Amino acid sequence: MINEIKKSAEQKMQKTLEAFKNDLAKVRTGRAHTGILDHVMVDYYGSDVPVNQVANVTLIDARTIGVQPWEKPMLAKIEKAIRDCDLGLNPASMGEIIRVPMPMLTEERRKDLIKVVRGEAEGARVAVRNIRRDSNTEFKNLLKDKAITEDDERRGQDEIQKLTDKYTAEVDKMLAAKEADLLAV
């Protein structure tokens, strides 16, 4: 029973870490990467789909993303969707390909992005601590129902605390890496 609670908590913490990693990927740095357009939705015959499902998204160079639609009529729709998303990008059509240059980040914008990233990190830490709280509550309920002993409860809480420490350290490590990435000119 203790192992089941521990396993469940670890899986939830891992999912929290994955969600945090995805949130960090959304925050752009000065370099281009194709993942930045993953959340841009395009109207494709009445339904919204991600850009990468209607076009090839590639890197032209370190600061430019190339988007080549599979169907010619989609060119204008994709360009409009990229412009309208709140990433601050300004795409330009060049024949059958859309070039999306990544603008340089100003010092002020970098500091704003670091604040955003720190907020995301704190949200991830809170989620991990909430998982710890829920697991500890489960242990207390099992103890109250006399399904486990006090020693088992204490051991279970200690193991959950070790997991919590491990995952919060991982969040801090990912935050430090993203901050360094944002500050790099």
C-alpha atoms as a PDB file:
ATOM      1  CA  MET A   1       0.000   0.000   0.000  1.00  0.00           C
ATOM      2  CA  ILE A   2       2.839   2.407   0.871  1.00  0.00           C
ATOM      3  CA  ASN A   3       4.625   1.566  -2.368  1.00  0.00           C
ATOM      4  CA  GLU A   4       1.445   2.253  -4.361  1.00  0.00           C
ATOM      5  CA  ILE A   5       1.097   5.718  -2.819  1.00  0.00           C
ATOM      6  CA  LYS A   6       4.805   6.410  -3.416  1.00  0.00           C
ATOM      7  CA  LYS A   7       4.594   5.207  -7.025  1.00  0.00           C
ATOM      8  CA  SER A   8       1.495   7.322  -7.675  1.00  0.00           C
ATOM      9  CA  ALA A   9       3.136  10.401  -6.150  1.00  0.00           C
ATOM     10  CA  GLU A  10       6.285   9.887  -8.222  1.00  0.00           C
ATOM     11  CA  GLN A  11       4.260   9.570 -11.437  1.00  0.00           C
ATOM     12  CA  LYS A  12       2.354  12.775 -10.657  1.00  0.00           C
ATOM     13  CA  MET A  13       5.589  14.615  -9.850  1.00  0.00           C
ATOM     14  CA  GLN A  14       7.101  13.398 -13.122  1.00  0.00           C
ATOM     15  CA  LYS A  15       4.062  14.726 -15.020  1.00  0.00           C
ATOM     16  CA  THR A  16       4.454  18.058 -13.221  1.00  0.00           C
ATOM     17  CA  LEU A  17       8.089  18.170 -14.328  1.00  0.00           C
ATOM     18  CA  GLU A  18       7.087  17.425 -17.943  1.00  0.00           C
ATOM     19  CA  ALA A  19       4.454  20.174 -17.853  1.00  0.00           C
ATOM     20  CA  PHE A  20       7.061  22.600 -16.491  1.00  0.00           C
ATOM     21  CA  LYS A  21       9.476  21.598 -19.253  1.00  0.00           C
ATOM     22  CA  ASN A  22       6.764  22.300 -21.856  1.00  0.00           C
ATOM     23  CA  ASP A  23       6.034  25.678 -20.255  1.00  0.00           C
ATOM     24  CA  LEU A  24       9.723  26.566 -20.424  1.00  0.00           C
ATOM     25  CA  ALA A  25       9.831  25.626 -24.108  1.00  0.00           C
ATOM     26  CA  LYS A  26       7.115  28.202 -24.801  1.00  0.00           C
ATOM     27  CA  VAL A  27       9.276  31.016 -23.414  1.00  0.00           C
ATOM     28  CA  ARG A  28      11.459  32.049 -26.284  1.00  0.00           C
ATOM     29  CA  THR A  29      15.102  33.009 -26.193  1.00  0.00           C
ATOM     30  CA  GLY A  30      17.011  34.881 -28.886  1.00  0.00           C
ATOM     31  CA  ARG A  31      17.699  31.672 -30.797  1.00  0.00           C
ATOM     32  CA  ALA A  32      15.244  30.093 -33.187  1.00  0.00           C
ATOM     33  CA  HIS A  33      13.816  26.638 -32.555  1.00  0.00           C
ATOM     34  CA  THR A  34      10.931  24.930 -34.293  1.00  0.00           C
ATOM     35  CA  GLY A  35       9.122  24.089 -31.042  1.00  0.00           C
ATOM     36  CA  ILE A  36       8.184  27.734 -30.589  1.00  0.00           C
ATOM     37  CA  LEU A  37       5.469  27.372 -33.245  1.00  0.00           C
ATOM     38  CA  ASP A  38       3.981  24.161 -31.788  1.00  0.00           C
ATOM     39  CA  HIS A  39       1.208  26.076 -30.045  1.00  0.00           C
ATOM     40  CA  VAL A  40       0.288  28.299 -32.995  1.00  0.00           C
ATOM     41  CA  MET A  41      -3.086  27.165 -34.323  1.00  0.00           C
ATOM     42  CA  VAL A  42      -4.165  27.616 -37.960  1.00  0.00           C
ATOM     43  CA  ASP A  43      -7.693  27.483 -39.374  1.00  0.00           C
ATOM     44  CA  TYR A  44      -7.601  24.431 -41.655  1.00  0.00           C
ATOM     45  CA  TYR A  45     -10.945  23.999 -43.431  1.00  0.00           C
ATOM     46  CA  GLY A  46     -12.965  24.969 -40.371  1.00  0.00           C
ATOM     47  CA  SER A  47     -10.923  23.379 -37.585  1.00  0.00           C
ATOM     48  CA  ASP A  48      -7.932  24.710 -35.675  1.00  0.00           C
ATOM     49  CA  VAL A  49      -4.782  22.603 -36.047  1.00  0.00           C
ATOM     50  CA  PRO A  50      -1.141  23.228 -35.067  1.00  0.00           C
ATOM     51  CA  VAL A  51       1.116  24.735 -37.739  1.00  0.00           C
ATOM     52  CA  ASN A  52       3.296  21.617 -37.864  1.00  0.00           C
ATOM     53  CA  GLN A  53       0.294  19.592 -39.104  1.00  0.00           C
ATOM     54  CA  VAL A  54      -0.216  21.744 -42.203  1.00  0.00           C
ATOM     55  CA  ALA A  55       3.385  22.683 -43.030  1.00  0.00           C
ATOM     56  CA  ASN A  56       7.037  21.715 -42.718  1.00  0.00           C
ATOM     57  CA  VAL A  57       8.647  23.742 -39.951  1.00  0.00           C
ATOM     58  CA  THR A  58      12.446  23.912 -40.248  1.00  0.00           C
ATOM     59  CA  LEU A  59      15.376  26.059 -39.181  1.00  0.00           C
ATOM     60  CA  ILE A  60      16.830  28.131 -42.006  1.00  0.00           C
ATOM     61  CA  ASP A  61      19.628  29.453 -39.794  1.00  0.00           C
ATOM     62  CA  ALA A  62      20.235  30.108 -36.080  1.00  0.00           C
ATOM     63  CA  ARG A  63      17.847  33.069 -36.008  1.00  0.00           C
ATOM     64  CA  THR A  64      15.267  32.175 -38.684  1.00  0.00           C
ATOM     65  CA  ILE A  65      12.494  29.572 -38.852  1.00  0.00           C
ATOM     66  CA  GLY A  66      11.177  28.431 -42.228  1.00  0.00           C
ATOM     67  CA  VAL A  67       7.551  27.328 -42.643  1.00  0.00           C
ATOM     68  CA  GLN A  68       6.630  25.652 -45.921  1.00  0.00           C
ATOM     69  CA  PRO A  69       2.883  24.875 -46.243  1.00  0.00           C
ATOM     70  CA  TRP A  70       1.852  21.622 -47.892  1.00  0.00           C
ATOM     71  CA  GLU A  71      -0.993  23.418 -49.664  1.00  0.00           C
ATOM     72  CA  LYS A  72      -0.511  26.795 -51.372  1.00  0.00           C
ATOM     73  CA  PRO A  73      -3.783  28.390 -50.089  1.00  0.00           C
ATOM     74  CA  MET A  74      -2.599  27.855 -46.501  1.00  0.00           C
ATOM     75  CA  LEU A  75       0.319  30.301 -46.936  1.00  0.00           C
ATOM     76  CA  ALA A  76      -1.652  33.431 -45.968  1.00  0.00           C
ATOM     77  CA  LYS A  77      -3.534  31.681 -43.133  1.00  0.00           C
ATOM     78  CA  ILE A  78      -0.318  30.384 -41.565  1.00  0.00           C
ATOM     79  CA  GLU A  79       1.365  33.772 -41.873  1.00  0.00           C
ATOM     80  CA  LYS A  80      -1.633  35.474 -40.222  1.00  0.00           C
ATOM     81  CA  ALA A  81      -1.751  32.877 -37.409  1.00  0.00           C
ATOM     82  CA  ILE A  82       1.952  33.369 -36.628  1.00  0.00           C
ATOM     83  CA  ARG A  83       1.554  37.151 -36.653  1.00  0.00           C
ATOM     84  CA  ASP A  84      -1.569  37.033 -34.429  1.00  0.00           C
ATOM     85  CA  CYS A  85      -0.106  34.707 -31.789  1.00  0.00           C
ATOM     86  CA  ASP A  86       1.398  36.612 -28.859  1.00  0.00           C
ATOM     87  CA  LEU A  87       5.007  35.538 -29.477  1.00  0.00           C
ATOM     88  CA  GLY A  88       6.056  38.870 -30.972  1.00  0.00           C
ATOM     89  CA  LEU A  89       7.069  37.336 -34.299  1.00  0.00           C
ATOM     90  CA  ASN A  90       6.811  39.030 -37.704  1.00  0.00           C
ATOM     91  CA  PRO A  91       6.687  36.420 -40.515  1.00  0.00           C
ATOM     92  CA  ALA A  92       7.363  37.300 -44.153  1.00  0.00           C
ATOM     93  CA  SER A  93       6.311  35.303 -47.246  1.00  0.00           C
ATOM     94  CA  MET A  94       8.979  34.574 -49.817  1.00  0.00           C
ATOM     95  CA  GLY A  95       7.394  32.603 -52.636  1.00  0.00           C
ATOM     96  CA  GLU A  96       6.268  29.255 -51.237  1.00  0.00           C
ATOM     97  CA  ILE A  97       8.004  29.599 -47.868  1.00  0.00           C
ATOM     98  CA  ILE A  98       7.352  31.802 -44.848  1.00  0.00           C
ATOM     99  CA  ARG A  99      10.465  33.147 -43.115  1.00  0.00           C
ATOM    100  CA  VAL A 100      10.052  33.856 -39.393  1.00  0.00           C
ATOM    101  CA  PRO A 101      13.038  35.855 -38.099  1.00  0.00           C
ATOM    102  CA  MET A 102      13.603  35.842 -34.331  1.00  0.00           C
ATOM    103  CA  PRO A 103      13.993  39.426 -33.083  1.00  0.00           C
ATOM    104  CA  MET A 104      16.800  40.250 -30.672  1.00  0.00           C
ATOM    105  CA  LEU A 105      15.683  40.366 -27.055  1.00  0.00           C
ATOM    106  CA  THR A 106      16.195  43.657 -25.255  1.00  0.00           C
ATOM    107  CA  GLU A 107      17.584  43.651 -21.709  1.00  0.00           C
ATOM    108  CA  GLU A 108      14.193  44.733 -20.362  1.00  0.00           C
ATOM    109  CA  ARG A 109      12.399  41.940 -22.229  1.00  0.00           C
ATOM    110  CA  ARG A 110      14.927  39.386 -20.937  1.00  0.00           C
ATOM    111  CA  LYS A 111      14.221  40.460 -17.346  1.00  0.00           C
ATOM    112  CA  ASP A 112      10.465  40.209 -17.971  1.00  0.00           C
ATOM    113  CA  LEU A 113      10.898  36.699 -19.391  1.00  0.00           C
ATOM    114  CA  ILE A 114      12.986  35.675 -16.356  1.00  0.00           C
ATOM    115  CA  LYS A 115      10.133  36.834 -14.101  1.00  0.00           C
ATOM    116  CA  VAL A 116       7.715  34.729 -16.151  1.00  0.00           C
ATOM    117  CA  VAL A 117      10.009  31.689 -15.948  1.00  0.00           C
ATOM    118  CA  ARG A 118      10.432  32.093 -12.176  1.00  0.00           C
ATOM    119  CA  GLY A 119       6.642  32.233 -11.809  1.00  0.00           C
ATOM    120  CA  GLU A 120       6.309  29.018 -13.809  1.00  0.00           C
ATOM    121  CA  ALA A 121       8.974  27.383 -11.613  1.00  0.00           C
ATOM    122  CA  GLU A 122       7.174  28.402  -8.435  1.00  0.00           C
ATOM    123  CA  GLY A 123       3.958  26.946  -9.846  1.00  0.00           C
ATOM    124  CA  ALA A 124       5.747  23.652 -10.513  1.00  0.00           C
ATOM    125  CA  ARG A 125       7.208  23.611  -6.975  1.00  0.00           C
ATOM    126  CA  VAL A 126       3.759  24.262  -5.498  1.00  0.00           C
ATOM    127  CA  ALA A 127       2.298  21.414  -7.579  1.00  0.00           C
ATOM    128  CA  VAL A 128       5.016  19.038  -6.282  1.00  0.00           C
ATOM    129  CA  ARG A 129       4.357  20.109  -2.683  1.00  0.00           C
ATOM    130  CA  ASN A 130       0.610  19.610  -3.181  1.00  0.00           C
ATOM    131  CA  ILE A 131       1.291  16.051  -4.338  1.00  0.00           C
ATOM    132  CA  ARG A 132       3.366  15.541  -1.163  1.00  0.00           C
ATOM    133  CA  ARG A 133       0.512  16.879   0.970  1.00  0.00           C
ATOM    134  CA  ASP A 134      -2.028  14.597  -0.711  1.00  0.00           C
ATOM    135  CA  SER A 135       0.230  11.557  -0.221  1.00  0.00           C
ATOM    136  CA  ASN A 136       0.803  12.389   3.448  1.00  0.00           C
ATOM    137  CA  THR A 137      -2.960  12.737   3.907  1.00  0.00           C
ATOM    138  CA  GLU A 138      -3.401   9.262   2.414  1.00  0.00           C
ATOM    139  CA  PHE A 139      -0.846   7.891   4.906  1.00  0.00           C
ATOM    140  CA  LYS A 140      -2.659   9.555   7.831  1.00  0.00           C
ATOM    141  CA  ASN A 141      -5.987   8.108   6.678  1.00  0.00           C
ATOM    142  CA  LEU A 142      -4.472   4.628   6.442  1.00  0.00           C
ATOM    143  CA  LEU A 143      -3.066   5.029   9.959  1.00  0.00           C
ATOM    144  CA  LYS A 144      -6.446   6.209  11.250  1.00  0.00           C
ATOM    145  CA  ASP A 145      -8.100   3.159   9.645  1.00  0.00           C
ATOM    146  CA  LYS A 146      -5.373   1.017  11.265  1.00  0.00           C
ATOM    147  CA  ALA A 147      -4.290  -0.305   7.858  1.00  0.00           C
ATOM    148  CA  ILE A 148      -0.651   0.628   8.572  1.00  0.00           C
ATOM    149  CA  THR A 149       1.476   1.204  11.676  1.00  0.00           C
ATOM    150  CA  GLU A 150       2.877   4.543  12.852  1.00  0.00           C
ATOM    151  CA  ASP A 151       6.358   3.427  11.779  1.00  0.00           C
ATOM    152  CA  ASP A 152       5.071   2.663   8.272  1.00  0.00           C
ATOM    153  CA  GLU A 153       3.384   6.061   8.127  1.00  0.00           C
ATOM    154  CA  ARG A 154       6.587   7.830   9.186  1.00  0.00           C
ATOM    155  CA  ARG A 155       8.669   5.806   6.696  1.00  0.00           C
ATOM    156  CA  GLY A 156       6.186   6.595   3.901  1.00  0.00           C
ATOM    157  CA  GLN A 157       6.215  10.307   4.698  1.00  0.00           C
ATOM    158  CA  ASP A 158      10.026  10.306   4.717  1.00  0.00           C
ATOM    159  CA  GLU A 159      10.123   8.631   1.293  1.00  0.00           C
ATOM    160  CA  ILE A 160       7.598  11.126  -0.108  1.00  0.00           C
ATOM    161  CA  GLN A 161       9.714  13.979   1.323  1.00  0.00           C
ATOM    162  CA  LYS A 162      12.802  12.592  -0.445  1.00  0.00           C
ATOM    163  CA  LEU A 163      10.834  12.481  -3.713  1.00  0.00           C
ATOM    164  CA  THR A 164       9.647  16.049  -3.134  1.00  0.00           C
ATOM    165  CA  ASP A 165      13.213  17.240  -2.529  1.00  0.00           C
ATOM    166  CA  LYS A 166      14.414  15.433  -5.660  1.00  0.00           C
ATOM    167  CA  TYR A 167      11.759  16.945  -7.924  1.00  0.00           C
ATOM    168  CA  THR A 168      12.012  20.483  -6.519  1.00  0.00           C
ATOM    169  CA  ALA A 169      15.792  20.304  -7.074  1.00  0.00           C
ATOM    170  CA  GLU A 170      15.099  19.223 -10.665  1.00  0.00           C
ATOM    171  CA  VAL A 171      12.751  22.201 -11.134  1.00  0.00           C
ATOM    172  CA  ASP A 172      15.443  24.526  -9.737  1.00  0.00           C
ATOM    173  CA  LYS A 173      18.035  23.033 -12.095  1.00  0.00           C
ATOM    174  CA  MET A 174      15.772  23.518 -15.120  1.00  0.00           C
ATOM    175  CA  LEU A 175      15.023  27.092 -13.986  1.00  0.00           C
ATOM    176  CA  ALA A 176      18.730  27.915 -13.672  1.00  0.00           C
ATOM    177  CA  ALA A 177      19.416  26.528 -17.151  1.00  0.00           C
ATOM    178  CA  LYS A 178      16.570  28.565 -18.689  1.00  0.00           C
ATOM    179  CA  GLU A 179      17.685  31.741 -16.908  1.00  0.00           C
ATOM    180  CA  ALA A 180      21.230  31.262 -18.200  1.00  0.00           C
ATOM    181  CA  ASP A 181      19.790  30.685 -21.679  1.00  0.00           C
ATOM    182  CA  LEU A 182      17.730  33.891 -21.473  1.00  0.00           C
ATOM    183  CA  LEU A 183      20.661  35.982 -20.240  1.00  0.00           C
ATOM    184  CA  ALA A 184      23.024  34.705 -22.944  1.00  0.00           C
ATOM    185  CA  VAL A 185      23.383  37.366 -25.609  1.00  0.00           C
END
